[in-house]
Amino acid sequence: MSARIFRFGPFEVDQTAGELRKHGIRIKLHSQPFEVLTVMLERPAEIVTRDELRRRLWSDGTFVDFDHGLNTAVNKLRDALGDSAATPKFIETVPGKGYRFIAPVAAPSSPAVPVEPGVSILTTSDELPTAPRARIRWLLLGIQAMYLGFYLGALGNLAEIHDIFLESGLSPSTMMTVLVATAAVSIPVRLFLGAATAFDFAQFGAKFARLFPALLGLDLIWAASPFLLIHHINAGIALGLTAALIYVPFAQRSLVLMYTRRS
């Protein structure tokens, strides 16, 4: 059976696999909110009544608090999409009638390139092990503290770093500009990630997914930071530390997926 794929905004819905993805990253969504979404995607811009959704989600003879159950499903769906009832981007409430999907939706299609199950460049949430959230939280906070230490340490030793660039034959003015600019951008980002981890921000996973491409570029630049200590360590140790730091952004992504995953 070929997959039916709906696309809207940064999202993709694989109706056959029962998956909601954002920028290619799977977002956990339970069966009832997913069913509500697919009903509306099948009829974009049309009103889907609450009674239609009741019949789709609950068979005749099922005794449930229908209004509460549907409201919960729609709220969970909006949370997954980063949407709100007050200022909807995707799901509009039609008072007294039901709901309407208001964003443009690409027609159902099959994936352009078949992908074999389990083959992926980046780790998906389903491939990761489970671990206590408290342990993951401390690991994520440790990563933020490590990077903040790099930035503040470098900014506190600009004179020595200028000499290192000069001795290496690099343009000191260009390299110092890159160092200061990337540190200035990265410090508030690290503070945000630390706060998001500590206080369990809503939609942390989705927000991190948007940040990841830019953050990856910054982190790969700062992976070379051990060479800023070349006056204190030898080149071999600096190279080994740099190799390890290249892996850290991907480890951080996996930890965020584990931290934000819901059973």
C-alpha atoms as a PDB file:
ATOM      1  CA  MET A   1       0.000   0.000   0.000  1.00  0.00           C
ATOM      2  CA  SER A   2       1.507   3.352  -1.006  1.00  0.00           C
ATOM      3  CA  ALA A   3       1.827   6.031   1.630  1.00  0.00           C
ATOM      4  CA  ARG A   4      -0.516   9.024   1.542  1.00  0.00           C
ATOM      5  CA  ILE A   5       1.434  12.147   2.375  1.00  0.00           C
ATOM      6  CA  PHE A   6      -0.149  15.509   3.249  1.00  0.00           C
ATOM      7  CA  ARG A   7       2.107  18.561   3.468  1.00  0.00           C
ATOM      8  CA  PHE A   8       1.363  21.939   5.026  1.00  0.00           C
ATOM      9  CA  GLY A   9       3.780  24.582   6.261  1.00  0.00           C
ATOM     10  CA  PRO A  10       6.825  22.823   7.750  1.00  0.00           C
ATOM     11  CA  PHE A  11       4.744  19.728   8.522  1.00  0.00           C
ATOM     12  CA  GLU A  12       4.245  16.420   6.777  1.00  0.00           C
ATOM     13  CA  VAL A  13       1.608  13.826   7.644  1.00  0.00           C
ATOM     14  CA  ASP A  14       2.093  10.222   6.603  1.00  0.00           C
ATOM     15  CA  GLN A  15      -1.423   8.821   6.890  1.00  0.00           C
ATOM     16  CA  THR A  16      -0.369   5.223   6.271  1.00  0.00           C
ATOM     17  CA  ALA A  17       2.429   5.222   8.857  1.00  0.00           C
ATOM     18  CA  GLY A  18       0.413   7.358  11.274  1.00  0.00           C
ATOM     19  CA  GLU A  19       3.239   9.890  11.634  1.00  0.00           C
ATOM     20  CA  LEU A  20       3.392  13.670  11.953  1.00  0.00           C
ATOM     21  CA  ARG A  21       6.771  15.136  11.055  1.00  0.00           C
ATOM     22  CA  LYS A  22       8.172  18.651  11.197  1.00  0.00           C
ATOM     23  CA  HIS A  23      11.246  19.404   9.090  1.00  0.00           C
ATOM     24  CA  GLY A  24      11.611  15.625   8.819  1.00  0.00           C
ATOM     25  CA  ILE A  25      11.613  15.084  12.585  1.00  0.00           C
ATOM     26  CA  ARG A  26       8.812  12.937  13.957  1.00  0.00           C
ATOM     27  CA  ILE A  27       6.481  14.567  16.484  1.00  0.00           C
ATOM     28  CA  LYS A  28       4.773  12.215  18.914  1.00  0.00           C
ATOM     29  CA  LEU A  29       1.009  12.364  18.485  1.00  0.00           C
ATOM     30  CA  HIS A  30      -1.533   9.942  19.900  1.00  0.00           C
ATOM     31  CA  SER A  31      -4.047   8.187  17.674  1.00  0.00           C
ATOM     32  CA  GLN A  32      -7.122  10.351  18.366  1.00  0.00           C
ATOM     33  CA  PRO A  33      -5.463  13.752  17.732  1.00  0.00           C
ATOM     34  CA  PHE A  34      -3.842  12.235  14.631  1.00  0.00           C
ATOM     35  CA  GLU A  35      -7.243  11.013  13.405  1.00  0.00           C
ATOM     36  CA  VAL A  36      -8.730  14.493  13.935  1.00  0.00           C
ATOM     37  CA  LEU A  37      -5.879  15.946  11.876  1.00  0.00           C
ATOM     38  CA  THR A  38      -6.289  13.511   8.991  1.00  0.00           C
ATOM     39  CA  VAL A  39     -10.053  14.112   8.816  1.00  0.00           C
ATOM     40  CA  MET A  40      -9.454  17.860   8.423  1.00  0.00           C
ATOM     41  CA  LEU A  41      -6.593  17.360   5.954  1.00  0.00           C
ATOM     42  CA  GLU A  42      -8.886  15.270   3.757  1.00  0.00           C
ATOM     43  CA  ARG A  43     -11.242  18.275   3.579  1.00  0.00           C
ATOM     44  CA  PRO A  44      -9.128  21.443   3.919  1.00  0.00           C
ATOM     45  CA  ALA A  45     -10.992  24.764   4.159  1.00  0.00           C
ATOM     46  CA  GLU A  46     -14.234  22.892   4.891  1.00  0.00           C
ATOM     47  CA  ILE A  47     -16.043  22.765   8.207  1.00  0.00           C
ATOM     48  CA  VAL A  48     -15.736  19.377   9.872  1.00  0.00           C
ATOM     49  CA  THR A  49     -18.539  19.104  12.402  1.00  0.00           C
ATOM     50  CA  ARG A  50     -18.100  17.795  15.908  1.00  0.00           C
ATOM     51  CA  ASP A  51     -20.639  15.077  15.134  1.00  0.00           C
ATOM     52  CA  GLU A  52     -18.554  13.898  12.163  1.00  0.00           C
ATOM     53  CA  LEU A  53     -15.499  13.714  14.374  1.00  0.00           C
ATOM     54  CA  ARG A  54     -17.466  11.803  17.018  1.00  0.00           C
ATOM     55  CA  ARG A  55     -18.475   9.185  14.468  1.00  0.00           C
ATOM     56  CA  ARG A  56     -14.900   8.932  13.162  1.00  0.00           C
ATOM     57  CA  LEU A  57     -13.252   8.661  16.574  1.00  0.00           C
ATOM     58  CA  TRP A  58     -15.806   6.664  18.561  1.00  0.00           C
ATOM     59  CA  SER A  59     -17.953   3.842  17.284  1.00  0.00           C
ATOM     60  CA  ASP A  60     -21.629   3.609  18.124  1.00  0.00           C
ATOM     61  CA  GLY A  61     -22.220   2.161  21.545  1.00  0.00           C
ATOM     62  CA  THR A  62     -18.998   3.579  22.990  1.00  0.00           C
ATOM     63  CA  PHE A  63     -19.758   5.408  26.202  1.00  0.00           C
ATOM     64  CA  VAL A  64     -17.369   8.352  26.659  1.00  0.00           C
ATOM     65  CA  ASP A  65     -17.530  12.000  27.585  1.00  0.00           C
ATOM     66  CA  PHE A  66     -17.453  12.962  23.911  1.00  0.00           C
ATOM     67  CA  ASP A  67     -17.109  16.737  24.365  1.00  0.00           C
ATOM     68  CA  HIS A  68     -14.230  16.403  26.823  1.00  0.00           C
ATOM     69  CA  GLY A  69     -12.513  13.741  24.714  1.00  0.00           C
ATOM     70  CA  LEU A  70     -12.737  15.764  21.501  1.00  0.00           C
ATOM     71  CA  ASN A  71     -11.611  18.971  23.199  1.00  0.00           C
ATOM     72  CA  THR A  72      -8.620  17.125  24.650  1.00  0.00           C
ATOM     73  CA  ALA A  73      -7.722  15.646  21.248  1.00  0.00           C
ATOM     74  CA  VAL A  74      -7.914  19.040  19.513  1.00  0.00           C
ATOM     75  CA  ASN A  75      -5.854  20.708  22.255  1.00  0.00           C
ATOM     76  CA  LYS A  76      -3.149  18.043  21.973  1.00  0.00           C
ATOM     77  CA  LEU A  77      -3.155  18.463  18.200  1.00  0.00           C
ATOM     78  CA  ARG A  78      -2.796  22.246  18.474  1.00  0.00           C
ATOM     79  CA  ASP A  79       0.029  21.779  20.967  1.00  0.00           C
ATOM     80  CA  ALA A  80       1.865  19.478  18.554  1.00  0.00           C
ATOM     81  CA  LEU A  81       1.452  21.998  15.712  1.00  0.00           C
ATOM     82  CA  GLY A  82       2.355  25.014  17.861  1.00  0.00           C
ATOM     83  CA  ASP A  83      -1.090  26.437  17.123  1.00  0.00           C
ATOM     84  CA  SER A  84      -3.620  28.255  19.296  1.00  0.00           C
ATOM     85  CA  ALA A  85      -7.382  28.703  19.291  1.00  0.00           C
ATOM     86  CA  ALA A  86      -7.076  32.485  19.752  1.00  0.00           C
ATOM     87  CA  THR A  87      -4.752  33.076  16.781  1.00  0.00           C
ATOM     88  CA  PRO A  88      -5.019  29.941  14.626  1.00  0.00           C
ATOM     89  CA  LYS A  89      -2.528  29.220  11.869  1.00  0.00           C
ATOM     90  CA  PHE A  90      -3.866  25.764  11.087  1.00  0.00           C
ATOM     91  CA  ILE A  91      -7.035  24.813  12.995  1.00  0.00           C
ATOM     92  CA  GLU A  92      -9.877  27.298  13.261  1.00  0.00           C
ATOM     93  CA  THR A  93     -12.759  26.750  15.672  1.00  0.00           C
ATOM     94  CA  VAL A  94     -16.148  27.402  14.079  1.00  0.00           C
ATOM     95  CA  PRO A  95     -18.391  28.181  17.085  1.00  0.00           C
ATOM     96  CA  GLY A  96     -21.381  25.889  17.406  1.00  0.00           C
ATOM     97  CA  LYS A  97     -20.331  23.778  14.405  1.00  0.00           C
ATOM     98  CA  GLY A  98     -16.861  22.290  14.526  1.00  0.00           C
ATOM     99  CA  TYR A  99     -13.404  22.963  13.095  1.00  0.00           C
ATOM    100  CA  ARG A 100     -11.808  23.988   9.829  1.00  0.00           C
ATOM    101  CA  PHE A 101      -8.235  23.518   8.589  1.00  0.00           C
ATOM    102  CA  ILE A 102      -7.238  26.923   7.223  1.00  0.00           C
ATOM    103  CA  ALA A 103      -3.636  26.454   6.031  1.00  0.00           C
ATOM    104  CA  PRO A 104      -2.849  25.475   2.418  1.00  0.00           C
ATOM    105  CA  VAL A 105      -2.491  21.700   2.084  1.00  0.00           C
ATOM    106  CA  ALA A 106      -0.627  19.883  -0.687  1.00  0.00           C
ATOM    107  CA  ALA A 107      -2.628  17.088  -2.290  1.00  0.00           C
ATOM    108  CA  PRO A 108      -1.958  13.584  -0.958  1.00  0.00           C
ATOM    109  CA  SER A 109       1.003  12.016  -2.670  1.00  0.00           C
ATOM    110  CA  SER A 110       3.530   9.259  -2.340  1.00  0.00           C
ATOM    111  CA  PRO A 111       7.088  10.041  -1.251  1.00  0.00           C
ATOM    112  CA  ALA A 112       9.256  11.077  -4.180  1.00  0.00           C
ATOM    113  CA  VAL A 113      12.099   8.801  -3.049  1.00  0.00           C
ATOM    114  CA  PRO A 114      11.387   5.483  -1.327  1.00  0.00           C
ATOM    115  CA  VAL A 115      13.148   5.223   2.016  1.00  0.00           C
ATOM    116  CA  GLU A 116      13.931   1.841   3.470  1.00  0.00           C
ATOM    117  CA  PRO A 117      12.744   1.373   7.054  1.00  0.00           C
ATOM    118  CA  GLY A 118      15.430   2.166   9.602  1.00  0.00           C
ATOM    119  CA  VAL A 119      17.682   4.036   7.162  1.00  0.00           C
ATOM    120  CA  SER A 120      18.238   7.617   8.268  1.00  0.00           C
ATOM    121  CA  ILE A 121      21.130  10.048   8.407  1.00  0.00           C
ATOM    122  CA  LEU A 122      19.989  11.526  11.723  1.00  0.00           C
ATOM    123  CA  THR A 123      18.689   9.487  14.626  1.00  0.00           C
ATOM    124  CA  THR A 124      14.916   9.407  15.044  1.00  0.00           C
ATOM    125  CA  SER A 125      13.066   9.393  18.350  1.00  0.00           C
ATOM    126  CA  ASP A 126      11.995   5.769  17.946  1.00  0.00           C
ATOM    127  CA  GLU A 127      15.608   4.611  17.619  1.00  0.00           C
ATOM    128  CA  LEU A 128      16.687   6.089  20.946  1.00  0.00           C
ATOM    129  CA  PRO A 129      16.693   4.260  24.277  1.00  0.00           C
ATOM    130  CA  THR A 130      14.647   5.340  27.250  1.00  0.00           C
ATOM    131  CA  ALA A 131      16.344   6.936  30.239  1.00  0.00           C
ATOM    132  CA  PRO A 132      15.249   8.847  33.345  1.00  0.00           C
ATOM    133  CA  ARG A 133      14.321  12.412  32.382  1.00  0.00           C
ATOM    134  CA  ALA A 134      16.251  13.769  35.357  1.00  0.00           C
ATOM    135  CA  ARG A 135      19.455  12.209  34.020  1.00  0.00           C
ATOM    136  CA  ILE A 136      18.831  13.568  30.529  1.00  0.00           C
ATOM    137  CA  ARG A 137      18.075  17.013  31.993  1.00  0.00           C
ATOM    138  CA  TRP A 138      21.422  17.113  33.804  1.00  0.00           C
ATOM    139  CA  LEU A 139      23.295  16.010  30.694  1.00  0.00           C
ATOM    140  CA  LEU A 140      21.625  18.749  28.627  1.00  0.00           C
ATOM    141  CA  LEU A 141      22.342  21.355  31.298  1.00  0.00           C
ATOM    142  CA  GLY A 142      25.962  20.157  31.413  1.00  0.00           C
ATOM    143  CA  ILE A 143      26.310  20.659  27.655  1.00  0.00           C
ATOM    144  CA  GLN A 144      24.974  24.218  27.915  1.00  0.00           C
ATOM    145  CA  ALA A 145      27.354  24.968  30.797  1.00  0.00           C
ATOM    146  CA  MET A 146      30.285  23.529  28.812  1.00  0.00           C
ATOM    147  CA  TYR A 147      29.622  25.751  25.804  1.00  0.00           C
ATOM    148  CA  LEU A 148      29.070  28.817  27.998  1.00  0.00           C
ATOM    149  CA  GLY A 149      32.446  28.062  29.572  1.00  0.00           C
ATOM    150  CA  PHE A 150      34.029  27.999  26.112  1.00  0.00           C
ATOM    151  CA  TYR A 151      32.505  31.358  25.133  1.00  0.00           C
ATOM    152  CA  LEU A 152      33.267  33.172  28.373  1.00  0.00           C
ATOM    153  CA  GLY A 153      36.748  31.686  28.611  1.00  0.00           C
ATOM    154  CA  ALA A 154      37.575  32.831  25.088  1.00  0.00           C
ATOM    155  CA  LEU A 155      36.149  36.321  25.608  1.00  0.00           C
ATOM    156  CA  GLY A 156      38.193  36.619  28.783  1.00  0.00           C
ATOM    157  CA  ASN A 157      41.476  35.819  26.981  1.00  0.00           C
ATOM    158  CA  LEU A 158      41.216  37.787  23.768  1.00  0.00           C
ATOM    159  CA  ALA A 159      44.785  39.077  23.925  1.00  0.00           C
ATOM    160  CA  GLU A 160      46.275  35.580  24.130  1.00  0.00           C
ATOM    161  CA  ILE A 161      43.946  34.302  21.410  1.00  0.00           C
ATOM    162  CA  HIS A 162      44.946  37.221  19.163  1.00  0.00           C
ATOM    163  CA  ASP A 163      48.577  36.094  19.527  1.00  0.00           C
ATOM    164  CA  ILE A 164      47.621  32.496  18.646  1.00  0.00           C
ATOM    165  CA  PHE A 165      45.938  33.635  15.441  1.00  0.00           C
ATOM    166  CA  LEU A 166      48.938  35.820  14.625  1.00  0.00           C
ATOM    167  CA  GLU A 167      51.403  32.961  15.181  1.00  0.00           C
ATOM    168  CA  SER A 168      49.307  30.579  13.064  1.00  0.00           C
ATOM    169  CA  GLY A 169      49.390  32.890  10.051  1.00  0.00           C
ATOM    170  CA  LEU A 170      45.646  33.504  10.114  1.00  0.00           C
ATOM    171  CA  SER A 171      44.201  36.988   9.826  1.00  0.00           C
ATOM    172  CA  PRO A 172      43.819  38.055  13.482  1.00  0.00           C
ATOM    173  CA  SER A 173      41.205  40.710  12.710  1.00  0.00           C
ATOM    174  CA  THR A 174      38.997  38.324  10.719  1.00  0.00           C
ATOM    175  CA  MET A 175      39.312  35.447  13.184  1.00  0.00           C
ATOM    176  CA  MET A 176      38.685  37.693  16.192  1.00  0.00           C
ATOM    177  CA  THR A 177      35.557  39.065  14.517  1.00  0.00           C
ATOM    178  CA  VAL A 178      34.288  35.531  13.902  1.00  0.00           C
ATOM    179  CA  LEU A 179      35.075  34.487  17.475  1.00  0.00           C
ATOM    180  CA  VAL A 180      33.399  37.455  19.148  1.00  0.00           C
ATOM    181  CA  ALA A 181      30.370  37.431  16.826  1.00  0.00           C
ATOM    182  CA  THR A 182      29.676  33.695  17.185  1.00  0.00           C
ATOM    183  CA  ALA A 183      30.142  33.853  20.964  1.00  0.00           C
ATOM    184  CA  ALA A 184      27.778  36.840  21.232  1.00  0.00           C
ATOM    185  CA  VAL A 185      25.120  34.979  19.224  1.00  0.00           C
ATOM    186  CA  SER A 186      25.609  31.667  20.996  1.00  0.00           C
ATOM    187  CA  ILE A 187      25.492  32.878  24.614  1.00  0.00           C
ATOM    188  CA  PRO A 188      21.770  33.832  24.593  1.00  0.00           C
ATOM    189  CA  VAL A 189      20.936  30.672  22.646  1.00  0.00           C
ATOM    190  CA  ARG A 190      22.673  28.548  25.305  1.00  0.00           C
ATOM    191  CA  LEU A 191      20.862  30.417  28.071  1.00  0.00           C
ATOM    192  CA  PHE A 192      17.544  29.734  26.315  1.00  0.00           C
ATOM    193  CA  LEU A 193      18.323  26.026  25.916  1.00  0.00           C
ATOM    194  CA  GLY A 194      19.349  25.808  29.549  1.00  0.00           C
ATOM    195  CA  ALA A 195      16.153  27.508  30.716  1.00  0.00           C
ATOM    196  CA  ALA A 196      14.015  25.410  28.345  1.00  0.00           C
ATOM    197  CA  THR A 197      15.555  22.253  29.785  1.00  0.00           C
ATOM    198  CA  ALA A 198      15.372  23.333  33.423  1.00  0.00           C
ATOM    199  CA  PHE A 199      11.769  24.530  33.259  1.00  0.00           C
ATOM    200  CA  ASP A 200      10.462  22.054  30.635  1.00  0.00           C
ATOM    201  CA  PHE A 201       9.263  24.666  28.117  1.00  0.00           C
ATOM    202  CA  ALA A 202       6.229  23.805  26.028  1.00  0.00           C
ATOM    203  CA  GLN A 203       7.147  22.688  22.488  1.00  0.00           C
ATOM    204  CA  PHE A 204      10.846  22.584  23.418  1.00  0.00           C
ATOM    205  CA  GLY A 205      11.447  19.805  20.882  1.00  0.00           C
ATOM    206  CA  ALA A 206       9.882  21.740  18.007  1.00  0.00           C
ATOM    207  CA  LYS A 207      11.750  24.928  18.914  1.00  0.00           C
ATOM    208  CA  PHE A 208      15.050  23.054  19.124  1.00  0.00           C
ATOM    209  CA  ALA A 209      14.374  21.487  15.704  1.00  0.00           C
ATOM    210  CA  ARG A 210      14.100  24.989  14.219  1.00  0.00           C
ATOM    211  CA  LEU A 211      17.319  26.072  15.939  1.00  0.00           C
ATOM    212  CA  PHE A 212      19.321  22.947  15.146  1.00  0.00           C
ATOM    213  CA  PRO A 213      20.625  23.778  11.635  1.00  0.00           C
ATOM    214  CA  ALA A 214      21.989  27.195  12.694  1.00  0.00           C
ATOM    215  CA  LEU A 215      23.182  25.879  16.042  1.00  0.00           C
ATOM    216  CA  LEU A 216      24.986  23.015  14.325  1.00  0.00           C
ATOM    217  CA  GLY A 217      26.977  25.501  12.236  1.00  0.00           C
ATOM    218  CA  LEU A 218      27.973  27.490  15.320  1.00  0.00           C
ATOM    219  CA  ASP A 219      28.904  24.356  17.260  1.00  0.00           C
ATOM    220  CA  LEU A 220      31.073  23.023  14.447  1.00  0.00           C
ATOM    221  CA  ILE A 221      32.975  26.322  14.426  1.00  0.00           C
ATOM    222  CA  TRP A 222      33.477  26.113  18.189  1.00  0.00           C
ATOM    223  CA  ALA A 223      34.553  22.469  17.936  1.00  0.00           C
ATOM    224  CA  ALA A 224      37.976  23.932  17.081  1.00  0.00           C
ATOM    225  CA  SER A 225      38.075  25.828  20.405  1.00  0.00           C
ATOM    226  CA  PRO A 226      40.657  23.437  21.981  1.00  0.00           C
ATOM    227  CA  PHE A 227      43.204  24.962  19.605  1.00  0.00           C
ATOM    228  CA  LEU A 228      42.693  28.237  21.484  1.00  0.00           C
ATOM    229  CA  LEU A 229      44.533  26.493  24.330  1.00  0.00           C
ATOM    230  CA  ILE A 230      47.491  25.566  22.147  1.00  0.00           C
ATOM    231  CA  HIS A 231      49.839  27.451  24.512  1.00  0.00           C
ATOM    232  CA  HIS A 232      48.789  25.078  27.293  1.00  0.00           C
ATOM    233  CA  ILE A 233      48.157  21.725  25.529  1.00  0.00           C
ATOM    234  CA  ASN A 234      49.825  20.006  22.597  1.00  0.00           C
ATOM    235  CA  ALA A 235      48.321  19.799  19.123  1.00  0.00           C
ATOM    236  CA  GLY A 236      47.456  16.098  19.431  1.00  0.00           C
ATOM    237  CA  ILE A 237      45.259  16.635  22.487  1.00  0.00           C
ATOM    238  CA  ALA A 238      43.628  19.656  20.830  1.00  0.00           C
ATOM    239  CA  LEU A 239      42.861  17.561  17.740  1.00  0.00           C
ATOM    240  CA  GLY A 240      41.390  14.749  19.823  1.00  0.00           C
ATOM    241  CA  LEU A 241      39.176  17.163  21.787  1.00  0.00           C
ATOM    242  CA  THR A 242      38.030  18.792  18.554  1.00  0.00           C
ATOM    243  CA  ALA A 243      37.011  15.405  17.133  1.00  0.00           C
ATOM    244  CA  ALA A 244      34.949  14.731  20.270  1.00  0.00           C
ATOM    245  CA  LEU A 245      33.319  18.175  20.125  1.00  0.00           C
ATOM    246  CA  ILE A 246      32.200  17.566  16.537  1.00  0.00           C
ATOM    247  CA  TYR A 247      30.007  14.761  17.890  1.00  0.00           C
ATOM    248  CA  VAL A 248      28.492  16.788  20.758  1.00  0.00           C
ATOM    249  CA  PRO A 249      25.828  18.683  18.677  1.00  0.00           C
ATOM    250  CA  PHE A 250      24.424  15.384  17.427  1.00  0.00           C
ATOM    251  CA  ALA A 251      24.483  13.897  20.922  1.00  0.00           C
ATOM    252  CA  GLN A 252      22.650  16.996  22.172  1.00  0.00           C
ATOM    253  CA  ARG A 253      19.984  16.538  19.479  1.00  0.00           C
ATOM    254  CA  SER A 254      19.471  12.926  20.571  1.00  0.00           C
ATOM    255  CA  LEU A 255      19.167  13.994  24.206  1.00  0.00           C
ATOM    256  CA  VAL A 256      16.546  16.615  23.298  1.00  0.00           C
ATOM    257  CA  LEU A 257      14.548  13.978  21.392  1.00  0.00           C
ATOM    258  CA  MET A 258      14.722  11.680  24.414  1.00  0.00           C
ATOM    259  CA  TYR A 259      13.856  14.509  26.825  1.00  0.00           C
ATOM    260  CA  THR A 260      10.822  15.731  24.874  1.00  0.00           C
ATOM    261  CA  ARG A 261       9.530  12.302  23.900  1.00  0.00           C
ATOM    262  CA  ARG A 262       6.163  11.415  25.404  1.00  0.00           C
ATOM    263  CA  SER A 263       4.969   7.890  25.899  1.00  0.00           C
END
